[in-house]
């Protein structure tokens, strides 16, 4: 298991697909956003775009905004340009099956509380290595952190 470190994550601008999905403990709907992003790339004749990044925000209770993209320097029909600012974040590295990624966020959430921090605007994933051998996947997982009161979803 990778250690958790406090880092400054750089700002990122990506050409991406953004969707809102229902959020629950199973992260329902997230896979569909990735599938739609890949379909848009394939339709544009783009076979590979990396490092792919996913940004997660919670605009309201039960809703997760998912943005999936990469630093593509050409117009791609169906994709917009999105920016996430530089931020302080807790970071861990997930190695293994993609289905286990939610456990990395749970670990970061526990660490946010243990360090007396508050989760910030974004959860972020940067995909370093995705292979057909699911055990060799490597993903940098970040949770933005700030000082102060947590966002209340009433």
Protein backbone atom coordinates (compact mmCIF):
# COMPACT_ATOMS: atom_id res chain seq x y z
CA UNK A 1 0.00 0.00 0.00
CA UNK A 2 1.39 3.38 -1.01
CA UNK A 3 2.03 6.05 1.59
CA UNK A 4 -0.07 9.21 1.74
CA UNK A 5 1.80 12.46 1.21
CA UNK A 6 0.81 16.14 1.18
CA UNK A 7 1.77 17.65 -2.18
CA UNK A 8 1.03 20.57 -4.45
CA UNK A 9 -0.76 19.20 -7.49
CA UNK A 10 -0.22 21.37 -10.57
CA UNK A 11 -3.02 23.07 -12.45
CA UNK A 12 -4.29 21.01 -15.35
CA UNK A 13 -6.14 21.94 -18.52
CA UNK A 14 -7.64 19.03 -20.40
CA UNK A 15 -9.85 18.45 -23.40
CA UNK A 16 -12.48 16.29 -21.81
CA UNK A 17 -15.97 14.91 -21.48
CA UNK A 18 -17.94 16.07 -18.43
CA UNK A 19 -21.08 14.42 -17.08
CA UNK A 20 -23.02 14.44 -13.82
CA UNK A 21 -23.83 11.01 -12.42
CA UNK A 22 -25.71 9.74 -9.40
CA UNK A 23 -23.25 9.09 -6.59
CA UNK A 24 -23.44 6.34 -4.02
CA UNK A 25 -21.06 3.91 -2.37
CA UNK A 26 -20.77 2.01 -5.66
CA UNK A 27 -19.82 5.10 -7.75
CA UNK A 28 -22.61 4.19 -10.17
CA UNK A 29 -22.37 5.76 -13.58
CA UNK A 30 -18.65 6.57 -13.55
CA UNK A 31 -17.71 3.79 -15.97
CA UNK A 32 -20.25 5.11 -18.47
CA UNK A 33 -18.45 8.46 -18.60
CA UNK A 34 -15.14 6.74 -19.38
CA UNK A 35 -16.82 4.63 -22.07
CA UNK A 36 -18.38 7.73 -23.65
CA UNK A 37 -15.01 9.56 -23.59
CA UNK A 38 -13.28 6.64 -25.34
CA UNK A 39 -16.07 6.53 -27.96
CA UNK A 40 -15.59 10.27 -28.68
CA UNK A 41 -11.83 9.76 -29.10
CA UNK A 42 -12.35 6.78 -31.40
CA UNK A 43 -14.87 8.70 -33.52
CA UNK A 44 -12.25 11.47 -33.91
CA UNK A 45 -9.60 8.94 -34.97
CA UNK A 46 -7.54 9.41 -31.80
CA UNK A 47 -6.15 6.07 -30.65
CA UNK A 48 -4.22 7.22 -27.59
CA UNK A 49 -4.24 10.31 -25.39
CA UNK A 50 -2.23 10.41 -22.18
CA UNK A 51 -1.77 11.01 -19.39
CA UNK A 52 -5.50 10.70 -18.99
CA UNK A 53 -6.94 12.52 -16.02
CA UNK A 54 -10.24 12.22 -14.18
CA UNK A 55 -11.60 15.05 -12.03
CA UNK A 56 -14.40 14.45 -9.53
CA UNK A 57 -16.52 17.14 -7.83
CA UNK A 58 -19.68 16.98 -5.77
CA UNK A 59 -21.92 19.94 -6.73
CA UNK A 60 -24.78 18.64 -4.57
CA UNK A 61 -25.67 15.71 -2.35
CA UNK A 62 -25.95 12.48 -4.34
CA UNK A 63 -24.47 14.01 -7.51
CA UNK A 64 -20.92 13.59 -8.76
CA UNK A 65 -19.51 15.61 -11.65
CA UNK A 66 -17.04 13.46 -13.59
CA UNK A 67 -14.59 15.02 -16.06
CA UNK A 68 -12.39 12.65 -18.07
CA UNK A 69 -9.77 13.87 -20.51
CA UNK A 70 -6.19 14.46 -21.53
CA UNK A 71 -4.01 17.36 -22.68
CA UNK A 72 -5.05 17.09 -26.35
CA UNK A 73 -3.92 20.07 -28.42
CA UNK A 74 -6.54 19.80 -31.17
CA UNK A 75 -10.28 20.39 -31.37
CA UNK A 76 -12.25 17.20 -30.77
CA UNK A 77 -16.00 17.26 -31.48
CA UNK A 78 -17.86 16.30 -28.31
CA UNK A 79 -15.12 17.38 -25.90
CA UNK A 80 -14.81 20.65 -24.01
CA UNK A 81 -11.80 22.33 -22.42
CA UNK A 82 -11.74 22.17 -18.62
CA UNK A 83 -9.32 23.54 -16.04
CA UNK A 84 -8.58 22.47 -12.49
CA UNK A 85 -6.40 24.87 -10.51
CA UNK A 86 -3.22 24.11 -8.62
CA UNK A 87 -4.07 22.83 -5.16
CA UNK A 88 -2.70 21.31 -2.00
CA UNK A 89 -3.69 17.68 -2.02
CA UNK A 90 -3.15 14.39 -0.29
CA UNK A 91 -1.71 11.84 -2.72
CA UNK A 92 -1.43 8.09 -2.83
CA UNK A 93 -0.53 5.73 -5.66
CA UNK A 94 -2.98 2.96 -6.51
CA UNK A 95 -1.44 -0.17 -8.03
CA UNK A 96 -3.81 -2.89 -9.11
CA UNK A 97 -7.32 -3.42 -10.45
CA UNK A 98 -9.33 -0.35 -11.42
CA UNK A 99 -12.29 -1.72 -9.45
CA UNK A 100 -10.25 -1.12 -6.28
CA UNK A 101 -9.70 2.62 -6.93
CA UNK A 102 -12.56 3.68 -4.60
CA UNK A 103 -10.55 2.23 -1.70
CA UNK A 104 -7.78 4.76 -2.42
CA UNK A 105 -10.28 7.62 -2.04
CA UNK A 106 -11.63 6.10 1.18
CA UNK A 107 -8.07 5.95 2.50
CA UNK A 108 -7.45 9.58 1.52
CA UNK A 109 -10.73 10.63 3.16
CA UNK A 110 -9.69 8.97 6.41
CA UNK A 111 -6.31 10.69 6.21
CA UNK A 112 -7.97 14.10 5.63
CA UNK A 113 -9.85 13.65 8.91
CA UNK A 114 -6.80 12.28 10.75
CA UNK A 115 -4.72 15.31 9.74
CA UNK A 116 -7.46 17.80 10.66
CA UNK A 117 -7.88 18.93 7.05
CA UNK A 118 -11.01 19.44 4.93
CA UNK A 119 -11.54 17.93 1.48
CA UNK A 120 -11.20 20.57 -1.23
CA UNK A 121 -12.85 21.00 -4.59
CA UNK A 122 -11.56 18.00 -6.56
CA UNK A 123 -10.69 14.36 -6.29
CA UNK A 124 -8.22 13.62 -9.09
CA UNK A 125 -6.84 10.54 -10.80
CA UNK A 126 -3.90 10.56 -13.20
CA UNK A 127 -3.52 7.26 -15.04
CA UNK A 128 0.19 6.44 -15.32
CA UNK A 129 -0.08 2.87 -16.59
CA UNK A 130 -3.18 0.96 -17.62
CA UNK A 131 -2.57 -2.55 -18.93
CA UNK A 132 -4.44 -5.69 -19.83
CA UNK A 133 -2.79 -7.20 -16.74
CA UNK A 134 -5.08 -5.50 -14.20
CA UNK A 135 -2.56 -6.04 -11.37
CA UNK A 136 -0.02 -3.70 -13.05
CA UNK A 137 -2.26 -0.63 -13.36
CA UNK A 138 -0.77 2.47 -11.73
CA UNK A 139 -2.83 5.55 -10.88
CA UNK A 140 -1.86 8.67 -8.93
CA UNK A 141 -4.86 9.48 -6.70
CA UNK A 142 -5.28 12.95 -5.17
CA UNK A 143 -7.77 14.59 -2.86
CA UNK A 144 -7.58 18.39 -2.76
CA UNK A 145 -7.45 19.73 0.79
CA UNK A 146 -8.10 23.10 2.40
CA UNK A 147 -8.23 24.58 5.86
CA UNK A 148 -11.67 25.39 7.28
CA UNK A 149 -15.23 24.10 7.40
CA UNK A 150 -16.35 21.33 5.09
CA UNK A 151 -18.97 22.01 2.42
CA UNK A 152 -22.47 21.25 3.68
CA UNK A 153 -24.92 19.68 1.20
CA UNK A 154 -28.37 20.58 2.47
